[in-house]
């Protein structure tokens, strides 16, 4: 079943299926939500606030989103490659040509890799 997340601030309201969100990144008090189709939306609140909204609205489905480091929240369904040596995390979906290469600290990637390996 598709669940929708509704995010709004003063000037913008976005209703998006949780499976369409690739990742959410933070830059200070601004947060950008990147969709797997390449679209992005910026909101004027921090990543912790975004996490709370996800937990409140998506309940159990919120577990698909994993915090990686201080400024990144990813949809674990799109993890394609974790390369610790290059400090790269690649998110992709086989049904879309869009691929995101994110630069993440080695420590954060080690933690993510360990978490993924435990679920195997």
C-alpha atoms as a PDB file:
ATOM      1  CA  UNK A   1       0.000   0.000   0.000  1.00  0.00           C
ATOM      2  CA  UNK A   2       1.315   3.422  -0.950  1.00  0.00           C
ATOM      3  CA  UNK A   3       1.635   5.849   1.931  1.00  0.00           C
ATOM      4  CA  UNK A   4       1.898   9.566   1.387  1.00  0.00           C
ATOM      5  CA  UNK A   5       3.914  12.134   3.247  1.00  0.00           C
ATOM      6  CA  UNK A   6       2.613  15.694   3.353  1.00  0.00           C
ATOM      7  CA  UNK A   7       5.264  18.327   3.987  1.00  0.00           C
ATOM      8  CA  UNK A   8       4.403  22.002   4.144  1.00  0.00           C
ATOM      9  CA  UNK A   9       5.781  25.348   5.195  1.00  0.00           C
ATOM     10  CA  UNK A  10       4.682  28.940   4.613  1.00  0.00           C
ATOM     11  CA  UNK A  11       4.852  28.863   0.816  1.00  0.00           C
ATOM     12  CA  UNK A  12       4.839  25.199  -0.194  1.00  0.00           C
ATOM     13  CA  UNK A  13       2.913  21.977   0.343  1.00  0.00           C
ATOM     14  CA  UNK A  14       4.149  18.718  -1.173  1.00  0.00           C
ATOM     15  CA  UNK A  15       2.252  15.412  -1.057  1.00  0.00           C
ATOM     16  CA  UNK A  16       4.607  12.621  -2.062  1.00  0.00           C
ATOM     17  CA  UNK A  17       4.573   8.818  -1.876  1.00  0.00           C
ATOM     18  CA  UNK A  18       7.138   7.577   0.623  1.00  0.00           C
ATOM     19  CA  UNK A  19       8.615   5.287  -2.066  1.00  0.00           C
ATOM     20  CA  UNK A  20       9.376   8.299  -4.266  1.00  0.00           C
ATOM     21  CA  UNK A  21      11.736   9.957  -1.764  1.00  0.00           C
ATOM     22  CA  UNK A  22      15.395   9.101  -2.463  1.00  0.00           C
ATOM     23  CA  UNK A  23      16.969  11.178   0.300  1.00  0.00           C
ATOM     24  CA  UNK A  24      16.649  14.276   2.431  1.00  0.00           C
ATOM     25  CA  UNK A  25      19.669  16.492   3.086  1.00  0.00           C
ATOM     26  CA  UNK A  26      20.179  19.375   5.442  1.00  0.00           C
ATOM     27  CA  UNK A  27      22.073  22.622   5.100  1.00  0.00           C
ATOM     28  CA  UNK A  28      21.674  24.469   8.377  1.00  0.00           C
ATOM     29  CA  UNK A  29      18.029  25.341   8.887  1.00  0.00           C
ATOM     30  CA  UNK A  30      17.039  24.336   5.346  1.00  0.00           C
ATOM     31  CA  UNK A  31      16.182  20.819   4.236  1.00  0.00           C
ATOM     32  CA  UNK A  32      16.022  19.533   0.662  1.00  0.00           C
ATOM     33  CA  UNK A  33      13.965  16.491  -0.263  1.00  0.00           C
ATOM     34  CA  UNK A  34      15.225  14.727  -3.414  1.00  0.00           C
ATOM     35  CA  UNK A  35      12.824  12.455  -5.252  1.00  0.00           C
ATOM     36  CA  UNK A  36      13.939   9.408  -7.199  1.00  0.00           C
ATOM     37  CA  UNK A  37      12.733  11.045 -10.452  1.00  0.00           C
ATOM     38  CA  UNK A  38      15.193  13.927 -10.000  1.00  0.00           C
ATOM     39  CA  UNK A  39      12.829  16.559  -8.580  1.00  0.00           C
ATOM     40  CA  UNK A  40      13.732  18.375  -5.377  1.00  0.00           C
ATOM     41  CA  UNK A  41      11.935  20.572  -2.864  1.00  0.00           C
ATOM     42  CA  UNK A  42      13.458  22.820  -0.196  1.00  0.00           C
ATOM     43  CA  UNK A  43      11.829  23.535   3.145  1.00  0.00           C
ATOM     44  CA  UNK A  44      12.758  26.036   5.832  1.00  0.00           C
ATOM     45  CA  UNK A  45      13.199  23.676   8.767  1.00  0.00           C
ATOM     46  CA  UNK A  46      15.975  21.382   9.944  1.00  0.00           C
ATOM     47  CA  UNK A  47      16.481  17.661   9.392  1.00  0.00           C
ATOM     48  CA  UNK A  48      15.369  16.705  12.911  1.00  0.00           C
ATOM     49  CA  UNK A  49      12.010  18.384  12.294  1.00  0.00           C
ATOM     50  CA  UNK A  50      11.709  16.505   9.002  1.00  0.00           C
ATOM     51  CA  UNK A  51      12.448  13.217  10.799  1.00  0.00           C
ATOM     52  CA  UNK A  52       9.680  13.906  13.335  1.00  0.00           C
ATOM     53  CA  UNK A  53       7.191  14.598  10.526  1.00  0.00           C
ATOM     54  CA  UNK A  54       8.117  11.316   8.837  1.00  0.00           C
ATOM     55  CA  UNK A  55       7.737   9.368  12.099  1.00  0.00           C
ATOM     56  CA  UNK A  56       4.377  10.983  12.876  1.00  0.00           C
ATOM     57  CA  UNK A  57       2.870  10.482   9.429  1.00  0.00           C
ATOM     58  CA  UNK A  58       4.371   7.197   8.246  1.00  0.00           C
ATOM     59  CA  UNK A  59       4.483   5.292  11.571  1.00  0.00           C
ATOM     60  CA  UNK A  60       5.997   1.832  10.814  1.00  0.00           C
ATOM     61  CA  UNK A  61       7.020   2.772   7.263  1.00  0.00           C
ATOM     62  CA  UNK A  62       9.279   5.454   8.714  1.00  0.00           C
ATOM     63  CA  UNK A  63      11.825   2.685   9.378  1.00  0.00           C
ATOM     64  CA  UNK A  64      12.754   2.722   5.682  1.00  0.00           C
ATOM     65  CA  UNK A  65      14.471   6.080   6.277  1.00  0.00           C
ATOM     66  CA  UNK A  66      17.923   5.873   7.857  1.00  0.00           C
ATOM     67  CA  UNK A  67      19.934   8.773   9.267  1.00  0.00           C
ATOM     68  CA  UNK A  68      23.454   8.796   7.824  1.00  0.00           C
ATOM     69  CA  UNK A  69      25.684  11.292   9.554  1.00  0.00           C
ATOM     70  CA  UNK A  70      24.460  14.688  10.711  1.00  0.00           C
ATOM     71  CA  UNK A  71      22.895  15.991   7.539  1.00  0.00           C
ATOM     72  CA  UNK A  72      21.474  13.091   5.572  1.00  0.00           C
ATOM     73  CA  UNK A  73      18.378  10.907   5.764  1.00  0.00           C
ATOM     74  CA  UNK A  74      18.151   8.217   3.079  1.00  0.00           C
ATOM     75  CA  UNK A  75      15.498   5.844   1.819  1.00  0.00           C
ATOM     76  CA  UNK A  76      17.122   2.456   2.456  1.00  0.00           C
ATOM     77  CA  UNK A  77      15.188   0.913  -0.450  1.00  0.00           C
ATOM     78  CA  UNK A  78      17.417   2.811  -2.884  1.00  0.00           C
ATOM     79  CA  UNK A  79      20.841   1.871  -1.491  1.00  0.00           C
ATOM     80  CA  UNK A  80      22.793   0.646  -4.499  1.00  0.00           C
ATOM     81  CA  UNK A  81      26.492   0.997  -3.579  1.00  0.00           C
ATOM     82  CA  UNK A  82      28.345   1.790  -0.359  1.00  0.00           C
ATOM     83  CA  UNK A  83      32.004   2.525  -1.117  1.00  0.00           C
ATOM     84  CA  UNK A  84      33.852   3.346   2.087  1.00  0.00           C
ATOM     85  CA  UNK A  85      37.236   3.976   0.419  1.00  0.00           C
ATOM     86  CA  UNK A  86      35.772   6.554  -1.989  1.00  0.00           C
ATOM     87  CA  UNK A  87      33.404   7.882   0.704  1.00  0.00           C
ATOM     88  CA  UNK A  88      30.485   7.409  -1.677  1.00  0.00           C
ATOM     89  CA  UNK A  89      26.932   6.270  -1.237  1.00  0.00           C
ATOM     90  CA  UNK A  90      25.025   5.652  -4.458  1.00  0.00           C
ATOM     91  CA  UNK A  91      21.228   5.614  -4.409  1.00  0.00           C
ATOM     92  CA  UNK A  92      19.379   4.274  -7.436  1.00  0.00           C
ATOM     93  CA  UNK A  93      16.145   2.696  -8.585  1.00  0.00           C
ATOM     94  CA  UNK A  94      16.030   0.195 -11.436  1.00  0.00           C
ATOM     95  CA  UNK A  95      12.867   1.808 -12.837  1.00  0.00           C
ATOM     96  CA  UNK A  96      14.465   5.263 -13.122  1.00  0.00           C
ATOM     97  CA  UNK A  97      17.603   6.447 -14.925  1.00  0.00           C
ATOM     98  CA  UNK A  98      18.363   8.893 -12.093  1.00  0.00           C
ATOM     99  CA  UNK A  99      21.228   7.907  -9.809  1.00  0.00           C
ATOM    100  CA  UNK A 100      22.484   9.925  -6.838  1.00  0.00           C
ATOM    101  CA  UNK A 101      26.122   9.790  -5.735  1.00  0.00           C
ATOM    102  CA  UNK A 102      26.468  11.246  -2.246  1.00  0.00           C
ATOM    103  CA  UNK A 103      29.736  11.956  -0.466  1.00  0.00           C
ATOM    104  CA  UNK A 104      29.537  10.718   3.106  1.00  0.00           C
ATOM    105  CA  UNK A 105      32.111  10.290   5.869  1.00  0.00           C
ATOM    106  CA  UNK A 106      33.822   6.916   6.209  1.00  0.00           C
ATOM    107  CA  UNK A 107      32.511   6.554   9.749  1.00  0.00           C
ATOM    108  CA  UNK A 108      28.896   7.107   8.668  1.00  0.00           C
ATOM    109  CA  UNK A 109      29.280   4.676   5.762  1.00  0.00           C
ATOM    110  CA  UNK A 110      30.791   2.005   8.022  1.00  0.00           C
ATOM    111  CA  UNK A 111      27.779   2.341  10.321  1.00  0.00           C
ATOM    112  CA  UNK A 112      25.351   2.121   7.407  1.00  0.00           C
ATOM    113  CA  UNK A 113      27.154  -0.890   5.916  1.00  0.00           C
ATOM    114  CA  UNK A 114      27.064  -2.668   9.267  1.00  0.00           C
ATOM    115  CA  UNK A 115      23.360  -1.930   9.674  1.00  0.00           C
ATOM    116  CA  UNK A 116      22.570  -3.271   6.192  1.00  0.00           C
ATOM    117  CA  UNK A 117      24.675  -6.395   6.756  1.00  0.00           C
ATOM    118  CA  UNK A 118      22.758  -7.178   9.962  1.00  0.00           C
ATOM    119  CA  UNK A 119      19.487  -7.275   8.015  1.00  0.00           C
ATOM    120  CA  UNK A 120      20.749  -9.920   5.565  1.00  0.00           C
END
